N, C-alpha and C. Protein backbone atom coordinates (compact mmCIF):
# COMPACT_ATOMS: atom_id res chain seq x y z
N UNK A 1 9.53 -78.76 2.31
CA UNK A 1 7.82 -79.18 1.02
C UNK A 1 8.45 -78.36 1.09
N UNK A 2 8.14 -76.83 1.67
CA UNK A 2 7.65 -75.72 1.59
C UNK A 2 6.48 -74.89 1.18
N UNK A 3 5.16 -76.20 1.50
CA UNK A 3 3.59 -76.21 0.92
C UNK A 3 3.28 -75.26 2.27
N UNK A 4 1.87 -74.19 1.46
CA UNK A 4 0.92 -73.94 2.09
C UNK A 4 -0.43 -74.07 1.47
N UNK A 5 -1.47 -73.63 2.37
CA UNK A 5 -2.60 -73.75 1.81
C UNK A 5 -3.07 -72.81 2.84
N UNK A 6 -4.40 -72.12 2.78
CA UNK A 6 -5.53 -71.04 3.45
C UNK A 6 -6.23 -71.56 3.24
N UNK A 7 -6.57 -73.02 4.68
CA UNK A 7 -7.75 -73.42 4.76
C UNK A 7 -8.51 -74.33 5.96
N UNK A 8 -9.95 -74.85 6.03
CA UNK A 8 -10.82 -74.78 7.00
C UNK A 8 -9.67 -75.91 8.05
N UNK A 9 -10.03 -76.02 9.57
CA UNK A 9 -8.96 -76.86 9.51
C UNK A 9 -9.96 -77.55 11.67
N UNK A 10 -9.90 -78.31 11.52
CA UNK A 10 -10.27 -78.72 12.57
C UNK A 10 -9.36 -79.82 13.33
N UNK A 11 -9.39 -79.64 14.30
CA UNK A 11 -8.14 -79.96 15.67
C UNK A 11 -9.23 -80.56 17.26
N UNK A 12 -9.41 -81.53 17.31
CA UNK A 12 -10.00 -82.00 18.26
C UNK A 12 -11.58 -81.43 17.99
N UNK A 13 -12.08 -80.26 18.86
CA UNK A 13 -13.11 -79.86 19.04
C UNK A 13 -13.61 -77.95 18.27
N UNK A 14 -11.49 -77.30 17.75
CA UNK A 14 -11.48 -76.70 17.13
C UNK A 14 -12.00 -76.87 15.80
N UNK A 15 -12.61 -75.69 15.53
CA UNK A 15 -12.61 -75.51 14.07
C UNK A 15 -12.35 -73.55 13.56
N UNK A 16 -11.71 -73.84 13.02
CA UNK A 16 -11.67 -72.26 12.01
C UNK A 16 -10.39 -71.94 11.31
N UNK A 17 -11.05 -71.35 10.61
CA UNK A 17 -10.15 -70.53 8.78
C UNK A 17 -8.80 -71.16 9.64
N UNK A 18 -7.07 -71.31 9.15
CA UNK A 18 -5.76 -71.08 9.44
C UNK A 18 -5.05 -71.79 8.50
N UNK A 19 -4.09 -71.19 8.22
CA UNK A 19 -2.89 -71.41 7.68
C UNK A 19 -2.18 -72.63 7.52
N UNK A 20 -2.30 -73.25 7.44
CA UNK A 20 -1.43 -74.59 7.31
C UNK A 20 -0.55 -74.64 6.30
N UNK A 21 0.75 -74.90 6.90
CA UNK A 21 1.85 -74.57 6.33
C UNK A 21 3.00 -76.76 6.07
N UNK A 22 3.03 -77.18 5.95
CA UNK A 22 4.04 -78.76 4.95
C UNK A 22 5.26 -78.21 4.31
N UNK A 23 5.88 -78.68 6.19
CA UNK A 23 7.42 -78.83 6.27
C UNK A 23 7.96 -79.72 6.26
N UNK A 24 9.81 -80.04 6.11
CA UNK A 24 9.75 -80.97 5.85
C UNK A 24 9.75 -82.00 7.69
N UNK A 25 9.54 -81.07 8.40
CA UNK A 25 9.39 -81.73 10.08
C UNK A 25 7.28 -81.89 9.77
N UNK A 26 6.37 -81.96 8.92
CA UNK A 26 5.46 -81.86 9.65
C UNK A 26 5.07 -80.95 8.51
N UNK A 27 3.64 -80.86 9.65
CA UNK A 27 2.52 -79.48 9.21
C UNK A 27 2.29 -78.74 10.77
N UNK A 28 1.89 -77.38 9.84
CA UNK A 28 1.62 -76.47 10.88
C UNK A 28 1.25 -75.50 11.11
N UNK A 29 -0.27 -75.42 11.80
CA UNK A 29 -1.11 -73.98 11.83
C UNK A 29 -0.81 -73.40 11.94
N UNK A 30 -1.32 -71.58 11.63
CA UNK A 30 -0.98 -70.84 12.03
C UNK A 30 -2.11 -70.06 11.61
N UNK A 31 -2.74 -69.16 12.45
CA UNK A 31 -3.85 -68.62 12.49
C UNK A 31 -5.12 -68.39 14.24
N UNK A 32 -6.18 -68.82 13.61
CA UNK A 32 -7.14 -68.95 14.56
C UNK A 32 -6.79 -70.72 15.45
N UNK A 33 -6.49 -71.08 14.53
CA UNK A 33 -5.43 -72.36 15.01
C UNK A 33 -4.35 -73.02 15.12
N UNK A 34 -3.25 -72.58 15.53
CA UNK A 34 -2.06 -72.43 15.94
C UNK A 34 -1.74 -74.07 17.16
N UNK A 35 -0.84 -75.16 15.90
CA UNK A 35 -0.83 -76.08 16.53
C UNK A 35 0.88 -76.62 15.48
N UNK A 36 1.62 -77.43 16.04
CA UNK A 36 2.39 -78.23 15.35
C UNK A 36 2.35 -79.41 15.52
N UNK A 37 2.73 -80.28 14.51
CA UNK A 37 2.26 -81.52 14.23
C UNK A 37 3.50 -82.03 13.36
N UNK A 38 4.81 -83.14 14.36
CA UNK A 38 5.45 -83.39 14.08
C UNK A 38 5.63 -84.74 12.67
N UNK A 39 5.82 -84.97 12.10
CA UNK A 39 5.89 -85.77 11.00
C UNK A 39 5.84 -87.33 11.28
N UNK A 40 6.31 -87.53 12.15
CA UNK A 40 6.45 -88.99 13.19
C UNK A 40 5.11 -89.41 14.12
N UNK A 41 4.38 -88.30 14.39
CA UNK A 41 3.33 -87.78 15.17
C UNK A 41 2.25 -88.95 14.60
N UNK A 42 1.67 -88.42 13.27
CA UNK A 42 0.69 -88.68 12.91
C UNK A 42 0.67 -89.76 12.44
N UNK A 43 -0.54 -89.83 12.90
CA UNK A 43 -1.33 -91.60 12.93
C UNK A 43 -2.63 -91.51 12.03
N UNK A 44 -2.91 -92.26 10.58
CA UNK A 44 -4.15 -92.55 10.04
C UNK A 44 -4.68 -92.67 9.15
N UNK A 45 -2.93 -91.63 8.55
CA UNK A 45 -3.02 -90.60 7.62
C UNK A 45 -3.60 -91.08 6.58
N UNK A 46 -4.88 -90.49 5.92
CA UNK A 46 -5.71 -90.20 4.68
C UNK A 46 -6.91 -89.46 4.53
N UNK A 47 -6.72 -89.72 3.20
CA UNK A 47 -7.82 -89.24 2.37
C UNK A 47 -9.19 -89.31 2.45
N UNK A 48 -10.34 -88.38 2.92
CA UNK A 48 -11.89 -88.24 3.12
C UNK A 48 -12.14 -87.15 2.32
N UNK A 49 -12.66 -87.37 0.74
CA UNK A 49 -13.26 -86.88 0.09
C UNK A 49 -12.09 -85.57 0.11
N UNK A 50 -12.33 -84.04 -0.11
CA UNK A 50 -11.93 -82.89 -0.35
C UNK A 50 -10.64 -82.48 1.11
N UNK A 51 -10.98 -83.71 2.29
CA UNK A 51 -9.78 -83.61 3.35
C UNK A 51 -9.31 -84.17 4.03
N UNK A 52 -7.42 -84.13 4.02
CA UNK A 52 -6.41 -84.68 4.82
C UNK A 52 -6.47 -84.73 5.65
N UNK A 53 -6.61 -86.06 5.61
CA UNK A 53 -7.02 -86.02 7.61
C UNK A 53 -6.04 -87.40 8.26
N UNK A 54 -5.93 -87.01 9.69
CA UNK A 54 -4.88 -87.73 10.01
C UNK A 54 -5.45 -87.43 11.91
N UNK A 55 -4.86 -88.60 13.10
CA UNK A 55 -4.95 -88.39 14.31
C UNK A 55 -3.36 -87.63 14.85
N UNK A 56 -3.09 -87.40 15.90
CA UNK A 56 -1.39 -87.24 17.14
C UNK A 56 -2.63 -86.92 18.30
N UNK A 57 -2.37 -88.46 18.95
CA UNK A 57 -2.49 -88.24 20.33
C UNK A 57 -3.60 -89.02 20.19
N UNK A 58 -4.82 -88.18 20.80
CA UNK A 58 -5.91 -88.34 20.75
C UNK A 58 -6.96 -87.53 20.07
N UNK A 59 -6.07 -86.20 19.20
CA UNK A 59 -6.76 -85.41 18.65
C UNK A 59 -7.04 -86.00 17.31
N UNK A 60 -8.57 -85.76 16.35
CA UNK A 60 -8.65 -85.72 15.47
C UNK A 60 -8.35 -84.34 14.55
N UNK A 61 -7.24 -84.72 13.57
CA UNK A 61 -6.77 -83.48 12.68
C UNK A 61 -7.97 -83.53 11.04
N UNK A 62 -8.65 -82.22 10.67
CA UNK A 62 -8.96 -82.67 9.37
C UNK A 62 -8.43 -80.61 8.94
N UNK A 63 -8.08 -81.14 7.01
CA UNK A 63 -7.31 -79.83 6.81
C UNK A 63 -8.62 -79.81 5.35
N UNK A 64 -9.37 -79.12 5.60
CA UNK A 64 -10.00 -79.07 4.05
C UNK A 64 -9.17 -78.39 2.76
N UNK A 65 -8.10 -78.99 2.72
CA UNK A 65 -7.58 -78.52 1.46
C UNK A 65 -7.39 -78.58 -0.04
N UNK A 66 -8.82 -79.02 -0.48
CA UNK A 66 -9.23 -79.59 -1.72
C UNK A 66 -8.92 -81.38 -2.17
N UNK A 67 -8.90 -81.98 -3.18
CA UNK A 67 -8.55 -82.63 -3.51
C UNK A 67 -7.57 -83.20 -3.59
N UNK A 68 -7.18 -82.58 -4.86
CA UNK A 68 -5.88 -82.09 -5.76
C UNK A 68 -4.61 -81.91 -4.64
N UNK A 69 -4.67 -80.37 -3.75
CA UNK A 69 -3.94 -80.64 -3.41
C UNK A 69 -4.26 -82.00 -1.33
N UNK A 70 -5.17 -81.94 -0.94
CA UNK A 70 -4.68 -83.03 -0.10
C UNK A 70 -4.24 -84.63 -0.35
N UNK A 71 -4.57 -85.28 -1.63
CA UNK A 71 -3.29 -86.10 -2.69
C UNK A 71 -1.94 -86.01 -2.21
N UNK A 72 -1.35 -83.95 -3.11
CA UNK A 72 -0.38 -83.64 -2.86
C UNK A 72 0.74 -83.63 -1.55
N UNK A 73 -0.44 -83.31 -0.54
CA UNK A 73 0.11 -83.26 1.06
C UNK A 73 0.53 -84.56 1.40
N UNK A 74 -0.88 -85.77 1.38
CA UNK A 74 -0.60 -87.17 1.93
C UNK A 74 1.08 -87.65 0.93
N UNK A 75 1.17 -87.48 -0.59
CA UNK A 75 1.92 -88.04 -1.03
C UNK A 75 3.26 -87.69 -0.03
N UNK A 76 2.96 -85.70 -0.05
CA UNK A 76 5.18 -85.55 0.46
C UNK A 76 4.71 -86.63 2.32
N UNK A 77 4.15 -85.89 2.52
CA UNK A 77 4.12 -86.98 3.80
C UNK A 77 4.70 -88.16 4.13
N UNK A 78 3.73 -89.03 2.97
CA UNK A 78 4.29 -90.44 3.36
C UNK A 78 5.54 -90.86 2.17
N UNK A 79 5.83 -90.06 1.70
CA UNK A 79 7.45 -91.16 1.16
C UNK A 79 8.45 -90.52 2.18
N UNK A 80 8.81 -91.84 1.86
CA UNK A 80 10.33 -90.88 3.25
C UNK A 80 11.23 -90.09 2.63
N UNK A 81 11.82 -89.35 3.16
CA UNK A 81 13.17 -88.50 2.75
C UNK A 81 14.17 -89.07 3.02
N UNK A 82 14.96 -88.47 1.88
CA UNK A 82 16.28 -89.49 1.06
C UNK A 82 16.98 -88.88 2.24
N UNK A 83 18.12 -89.44 2.53
CA UNK A 83 18.60 -89.65 3.53
C UNK A 83 19.79 -88.57 3.54
N UNK A 84 21.36 -88.08 4.28
CA UNK A 84 21.64 -87.44 3.63
C UNK A 84 22.77 -88.72 2.73
N UNK A 85 22.68 -89.46 3.04
CA UNK A 85 24.68 -90.68 2.30
C UNK A 85 23.84 -90.94 0.68
N UNK A 86 22.42 -90.21 0.40
CA UNK A 86 21.88 -89.80 -0.40
C UNK A 86 21.79 -88.95 -1.49
N UNK A 87 21.93 -88.15 -0.61
CA UNK A 87 21.55 -86.29 -1.07
C UNK A 87 22.55 -86.47 -1.33
N UNK A 88 23.92 -86.47 -0.74
CA UNK A 88 25.00 -86.34 -0.53
C UNK A 88 26.49 -87.36 -2.26
N UNK A 89 24.76 -87.97 -2.65
CA UNK A 89 25.43 -88.93 -4.13
C UNK A 89 26.43 -90.32 -3.20
N UNK A 90 26.95 -90.34 -2.32
CA UNK A 90 28.21 -91.32 -2.08
C UNK A 90 27.25 -92.74 -1.67
N UNK A 91 28.17 -93.64 -1.82
CA UNK A 91 27.73 -95.41 -1.71
C UNK A 91 29.43 -96.01 -2.33
N UNK A 92 29.43 -97.13 -1.79
CA UNK A 92 30.73 -97.56 -1.36
C UNK A 92 31.11 -98.10 -3.28
N UNK A 93 29.99 -98.17 -4.49
CA UNK A 93 30.57 -97.81 -5.28
C UNK A 93 30.43 -96.66 -5.58
N UNK A 94 30.83 -95.38 -5.18
CA UNK A 94 30.78 -93.73 -5.91
C UNK A 94 31.60 -93.54 -4.37
N UNK A 95 32.44 -93.50 -3.64
CA UNK A 95 33.10 -93.03 -2.68
C UNK A 95 33.21 -91.18 -2.37
N UNK A 96 33.86 -90.73 -1.70
CA UNK A 96 33.79 -89.57 -1.37
C UNK A 96 35.38 -89.63 -0.85
N UNK A 97 36.30 -88.20 -1.07
CA UNK A 97 37.28 -88.67 -0.22
C UNK A 97 36.97 -87.18 0.40
N UNK A 98 37.94 -87.72 1.93
CA UNK A 98 37.40 -86.64 2.88
C UNK A 98 38.42 -85.90 3.23
N UNK A 99 38.61 -84.31 2.94
CA UNK A 99 39.23 -84.07 3.41
C UNK A 99 39.52 -83.09 4.96
N UNK A 100 39.14 -82.56 5.66
CA UNK A 100 38.88 -81.66 7.04
C UNK A 100 38.22 -82.71 7.85
N UNK A 101 38.64 -82.24 9.66
CA UNK A 101 37.61 -82.49 10.63
C UNK A 101 36.35 -83.85 10.26
N UNK A 102 36.03 -85.07 10.15
CA UNK A 102 34.99 -85.51 10.11
C UNK A 102 34.17 -86.56 11.48
N UNK A 103 34.27 -85.39 12.97
CA UNK A 103 33.87 -84.88 13.61
C UNK A 103 32.92 -84.71 14.02
N UNK A 104 31.66 -84.37 12.81
CA UNK A 104 30.33 -84.68 13.34
C UNK A 104 29.44 -86.18 12.77
N UNK A 105 28.77 -86.51 14.34
CA UNK A 105 28.37 -88.24 14.46
C UNK A 105 27.88 -88.18 13.09
N UNK A 106 26.67 -87.44 12.45
CA UNK A 106 25.97 -87.74 11.71
C UNK A 106 26.70 -87.96 10.32
N UNK A 107 26.91 -86.97 9.71
CA UNK A 107 28.16 -86.72 8.48
C UNK A 107 28.61 -87.83 9.12
N UNK A 108 29.65 -88.42 10.10
CA UNK A 108 30.26 -89.88 9.28
C UNK A 108 29.18 -90.77 9.41
N UNK A 109 27.96 -90.54 10.21
CA UNK A 109 27.32 -92.07 9.30
C UNK A 109 27.17 -92.31 8.47
N UNK A 110 26.19 -90.83 8.07
CA UNK A 110 26.16 -91.05 6.90
C UNK A 110 27.24 -91.82 5.24
N UNK A 111 28.71 -91.41 5.63
CA UNK A 111 30.04 -91.30 4.90
C UNK A 111 30.57 -93.64 5.14
N UNK A 112 29.73 -93.97 5.80
CA UNK A 112 30.32 -95.44 6.71
C UNK A 112 30.42 -95.72 5.46
N UNK A 113 31.30 -96.61 5.47
CA UNK A 113 31.82 -97.13 3.66
C UNK A 113 31.85 -97.07 3.08
N UNK A 114 31.67 -95.75 2.58
CA UNK A 114 31.11 -94.55 1.19
C UNK A 114 32.34 -93.80 1.38
N UNK A 115 33.64 -93.93 1.82
CA UNK A 115 34.38 -92.97 1.21
C UNK A 115 36.45 -93.85 1.41
N UNK A 116 37.00 -93.24 0.61
CA UNK A 116 38.35 -94.04 -0.08
C UNK A 116 39.48 -93.72 0.15
N UNK A 117 40.69 -93.71 0.52
CA UNK A 117 41.64 -93.63 0.73
C UNK A 117 42.51 -92.89 -0.18
N UNK A 118 41.92 -92.26 -1.55
CA UNK A 118 41.88 -92.13 -2.79
C UNK A 118 41.31 -91.27 -3.31
N UNK A 119 42.66 -90.21 -3.46
CA UNK A 119 41.62 -88.94 -4.17
C UNK A 119 41.62 -89.14 -5.30
N UNK A 120 42.38 -89.54 -6.15
CA UNK A 120 42.38 -90.55 -8.01
C UNK A 120 40.92 -90.77 -7.63
N UNK A 121 40.50 -91.95 -7.15
CA UNK A 121 39.83 -92.60 -7.42
C UNK A 121 38.32 -92.04 -6.38
N UNK A 122 37.53 -91.23 -5.81
CA UNK A 122 36.61 -90.60 -5.25
C UNK A 122 35.39 -90.11 -6.91
N UNK A 123 34.62 -90.26 -5.94
CA UNK A 123 33.38 -89.54 -7.10
C UNK A 123 33.29 -88.25 -6.68
N UNK A 124 33.68 -87.57 -5.67
CA UNK A 124 33.25 -86.10 -5.33
C UNK A 124 34.31 -85.82 -3.60
N UNK A 125 34.49 -84.87 -3.73
CA UNK A 125 35.49 -84.36 -2.11
C UNK A 125 34.72 -84.15 -1.50
N UNK A 126 34.62 -84.56 0.03
CA UNK A 126 33.89 -83.76 1.23
C UNK A 126 34.66 -83.17 1.33
N UNK A 127 34.52 -81.92 1.31
CA UNK A 127 35.57 -81.45 2.03
C UNK A 127 34.44 -80.64 3.37
N UNK A 128 34.84 -80.89 5.00
CA UNK A 128 34.72 -79.85 6.19
C UNK A 128 35.50 -79.13 6.48
N UNK A 129 35.20 -77.71 6.09
CA UNK A 129 35.41 -76.10 6.28
C UNK A 129 35.26 -75.94 7.42
N UNK A 130 35.83 -74.86 9.01
CA UNK A 130 35.24 -73.89 9.20
C UNK A 130 36.08 -73.02 9.72
N UNK A 131 37.21 -72.68 8.71
CA UNK A 131 37.96 -72.03 8.29
C UNK A 131 38.31 -71.52 7.01
N UNK A 132 38.44 -69.88 6.58
CA UNK A 132 38.44 -69.93 4.67
C UNK A 132 39.96 -70.55 5.09
N UNK A 133 40.87 -70.87 5.66
CA UNK A 133 41.81 -71.29 5.96
C UNK A 133 41.56 -72.99 5.31
N UNK A 134 40.90 -74.03 6.23
CA UNK A 134 40.50 -75.30 6.37
C UNK A 134 39.39 -74.59 4.91
N UNK A 135 38.50 -74.24 4.34
CA UNK A 135 38.30 -74.04 2.80
C UNK A 135 39.57 -73.60 1.59
N UNK A 136 40.69 -73.40 1.63
CA UNK A 136 41.32 -72.96 1.30
C UNK A 136 42.90 -74.32 0.60
N UNK A 137 42.68 -74.93 1.62
CA UNK A 137 42.95 -76.16 1.48
C UNK A 137 42.58 -77.29 1.29
N UNK A 138 41.51 -77.46 1.44
CA UNK A 138 40.61 -78.40 0.50
C UNK A 138 40.44 -78.15 -0.81
N UNK A 139 40.19 -76.97 -1.34
CA UNK A 139 40.52 -76.28 -3.16
C UNK A 139 41.66 -76.86 -3.58
N UNK A 140 42.72 -77.03 -3.07
CA UNK A 140 43.72 -76.92 -3.24
C UNK A 140 43.89 -78.63 -3.41
N UNK A 141 42.76 -79.18 -2.57
CA UNK A 141 43.07 -81.12 -2.81
C UNK A 141 42.13 -80.97 -4.18
N UNK A 142 41.14 -80.33 -4.57
CA UNK A 142 39.89 -80.85 -5.37
C UNK A 142 40.99 -80.33 -6.59
N UNK A 143 41.67 -79.95 -6.53
CA UNK A 143 42.04 -78.96 -7.45
C UNK A 143 43.03 -80.17 -8.72
N UNK A 144 43.58 -81.35 -7.89
CA UNK A 144 44.29 -82.14 -8.10
C UNK A 144 43.88 -83.37 -8.03
N UNK A 145 42.32 -83.24 -8.16
CA UNK A 145 41.42 -84.56 -8.31
C UNK A 145 40.97 -84.93 -9.58
N UNK A 146 40.24 -85.81 -9.81
CA UNK A 146 39.42 -85.52 -11.27
C UNK A 146 38.34 -85.64 -11.06
N UNK A 147 37.36 -86.01 -9.48
CA UNK A 147 36.34 -85.74 -9.52
C UNK A 147 35.94 -83.98 -9.97
N UNK A 148 34.74 -83.91 -10.47
CA UNK A 148 34.53 -82.15 -10.69
C UNK A 148 33.90 -81.53 -9.48
N UNK A 149 32.85 -82.26 -8.64
CA UNK A 149 32.11 -82.07 -7.73
C UNK A 149 32.70 -82.46 -6.01
N UNK A 150 32.61 -80.56 -5.74
CA UNK A 150 32.82 -80.42 -3.92
C UNK A 150 32.08 -80.21 -3.18
N UNK A 151 31.52 -80.88 -2.08
CA UNK A 151 30.69 -80.86 -0.31
C UNK A 151 31.10 -80.07 -0.11
N UNK A 152 31.39 -78.91 -0.18
CA UNK A 152 31.77 -78.26 1.66
C UNK A 152 30.37 -78.18 2.48
N UNK A 153 31.20 -78.89 3.63
CA UNK A 153 30.41 -78.50 4.77
C UNK A 153 30.79 -77.82 5.75
N UNK A 154 30.37 -77.40 6.38
CA UNK A 154 30.87 -75.53 6.94
C UNK A 154 29.41 -76.09 7.79
N UNK A 155 29.53 -75.39 8.95
CA UNK A 155 29.20 -74.48 9.74
C UNK A 155 27.24 -73.62 9.70
N UNK A 156 26.71 -73.75 9.99
CA UNK A 156 25.70 -72.90 9.63
C UNK A 156 25.15 -72.53 10.77
N UNK A 157 23.62 -71.10 11.11
CA UNK A 157 23.07 -70.61 11.92
C UNK A 157 24.39 -69.33 11.91
N UNK A 158 23.52 -68.02 13.03
CA UNK A 158 24.42 -67.07 13.15
C UNK A 158 25.64 -67.32 14.00
N UNK A 159 27.06 -66.04 12.91
CA UNK A 159 27.55 -66.79 14.32
C UNK A 159 28.39 -67.33 13.49
N UNK A 160 28.14 -68.42 12.81
CA UNK A 160 29.54 -69.16 12.15
C UNK A 160 29.97 -68.64 11.96
N UNK A 161 31.32 -70.21 11.80
CA UNK A 161 33.04 -69.39 12.01
C UNK A 161 32.75 -69.52 10.27
N UNK A 162 32.79 -70.10 9.36
CA UNK A 162 32.81 -70.11 8.19
C UNK A 162 31.60 -69.68 7.35
N UNK A 163 30.90 -68.80 7.30
CA UNK A 163 29.69 -68.18 6.19
C UNK A 163 29.22 -69.04 5.04
N UNK A 164 27.58 -69.01 5.10
CA UNK A 164 27.33 -69.37 3.49
C UNK A 164 28.40 -68.67 2.99
N UNK A 165 28.05 -67.20 2.91
CA UNK A 165 28.23 -65.52 2.00
C UNK A 165 30.37 -66.40 1.74
N UNK A 166 30.37 -66.24 2.56
CA UNK A 166 32.36 -66.40 2.60
C UNK A 166 32.16 -67.75 1.61
N UNK A 167 31.26 -69.04 1.90
CA UNK A 167 31.79 -70.04 0.83
C UNK A 167 31.73 -69.84 -0.08
N UNK A 168 30.46 -68.97 -0.80
CA UNK A 168 30.41 -69.16 -2.18
C UNK A 168 31.02 -68.00 -2.50
N UNK A 169 31.46 -67.24 -1.96
CA UNK A 169 32.37 -65.96 -2.53
C UNK A 169 33.72 -66.76 -3.25
N UNK A 170 34.15 -67.74 -1.89
CA UNK A 170 35.55 -68.31 -2.88
C UNK A 170 35.61 -69.03 -3.92
N UNK A 171 34.39 -69.81 -3.15
CA UNK A 171 33.88 -70.86 -4.28
C UNK A 171 33.63 -70.08 -6.03
N UNK A 172 33.01 -69.05 -5.62
CA UNK A 172 32.72 -68.49 -7.75
C UNK A 172 34.13 -67.83 -7.98
N UNK A 173 34.73 -67.16 -7.04
CA UNK A 173 36.47 -66.61 -7.55
C UNK A 173 36.85 -67.69 -7.33
N UNK A 174 37.22 -68.58 -6.98
CA UNK A 174 37.81 -69.84 -7.64
C UNK A 174 37.05 -70.65 -9.42
N UNK A 175 35.79 -69.54 -9.65
CA UNK A 175 35.57 -70.48 -10.93
C UNK A 175 34.92 -71.78 -10.64
N UNK A 176 33.87 -72.17 -9.53
CA UNK A 176 33.10 -73.18 -9.50
C UNK A 176 31.67 -72.75 -8.91
N UNK A 177 30.56 -73.78 -9.56
CA UNK A 177 29.18 -72.56 -9.86
C UNK A 177 28.17 -74.06 -8.73
N UNK A 178 28.05 -73.11 -7.68
CA UNK A 178 26.95 -73.66 -6.38
C UNK A 178 25.70 -74.64 -6.99
N UNK A 179 25.22 -75.76 -7.10
CA UNK A 179 24.30 -76.72 -7.95
C UNK A 179 22.58 -77.61 -6.83
N UNK A 180 23.23 -77.22 -5.46
CA UNK A 180 22.59 -78.25 -4.94
C UNK A 180 22.70 -77.80 -2.98
N UNK A 181 21.89 -78.09 -2.17
CA UNK A 181 22.68 -77.40 -0.94
C UNK A 181 21.32 -78.71 -0.03
N UNK A 182 21.64 -79.34 1.43
CA UNK A 182 21.26 -79.83 2.10
C UNK A 182 22.48 -79.55 3.15
N UNK A 183 20.68 -80.06 4.46
CA UNK A 183 21.42 -80.04 5.66
C UNK A 183 21.85 -80.37 6.13
N UNK A 184 23.03 -80.69 7.30
CA UNK A 184 23.94 -82.25 8.14
C UNK A 184 23.55 -82.97 8.84
N UNK A 185 23.33 -81.74 10.25
CA UNK A 185 23.95 -81.65 10.94
C UNK A 185 22.84 -81.25 11.06
N UNK A 186 22.27 -80.67 12.90
CA UNK A 186 21.88 -79.54 14.04
C UNK A 186 22.83 -78.57 13.62
N UNK A 187 23.60 -78.46 13.60
CA UNK A 187 25.02 -77.69 13.28
C UNK A 187 25.69 -77.40 11.95
N UNK A 188 25.81 -78.64 11.70
CA UNK A 188 26.73 -77.70 10.06
C UNK A 188 25.45 -77.69 8.56
N UNK A 189 25.94 -78.07 7.74
CA UNK A 189 25.51 -76.92 6.46
C UNK A 189 25.98 -77.99 4.87
N UNK A 190 25.62 -78.22 3.68
CA UNK A 190 26.53 -78.07 2.80
C UNK A 190 25.96 -78.23 1.44
N UNK A 191 27.18 -77.10 0.58
CA UNK A 191 26.65 -77.04 -0.52
C UNK A 191 27.31 -77.94 -1.68
N UNK A 192 27.39 -77.87 -2.55
CA UNK A 192 27.87 -78.55 -3.73
C UNK A 192 28.15 -77.89 -4.67
N UNK A 193 29.50 -77.55 -5.32
CA UNK A 193 29.59 -77.19 -6.74
C UNK A 193 30.65 -77.74 -7.17
N UNK A 194 30.67 -77.47 -8.11
CA UNK A 194 31.46 -78.54 -9.74
C UNK A 194 32.57 -77.58 -9.91
N UNK A 195 33.60 -77.27 -10.58
CA UNK A 195 34.08 -76.71 -11.18
C UNK A 195 33.57 -76.65 -12.43
């Protein structure tokens, strides 16, 4: 989501100017009041005049964002996030062909009933790569497929065995363009490339 605003914040009995950040996981307050509220904890979300209001446990929270911004934040907080399956664009009717070890439970769950054993019948290739060798093998498979898109799923974070820069460099050198990214799990990220 990545929205932010400097505003008057009231949390329980505290009130002060603070920076409010709306992130995918919830609302973060920085400055004179420091708090982190996970989206799942927010109760009784509503707009009161120019304020976004909610409660967490027994604390009432009000953010003076202005009516328009408060509406936008409320909409973001109450709209369900798309599932990983939806982000990958796979389903029973638009199946993926998987290349690589599918041993991440989050990714495996997203692909239940959305894969095919035939690379020719796939709408997209899901390439799970943890090394340059695995990435090269996936690109060879993709070269023979009619599907134009490939999601490269690889480790994320410091010390990853295959970095974003390595993936991007390899695919761009092979004539691919990256056009979408998605977190997969705590340990994996994915980028979609098309040739």
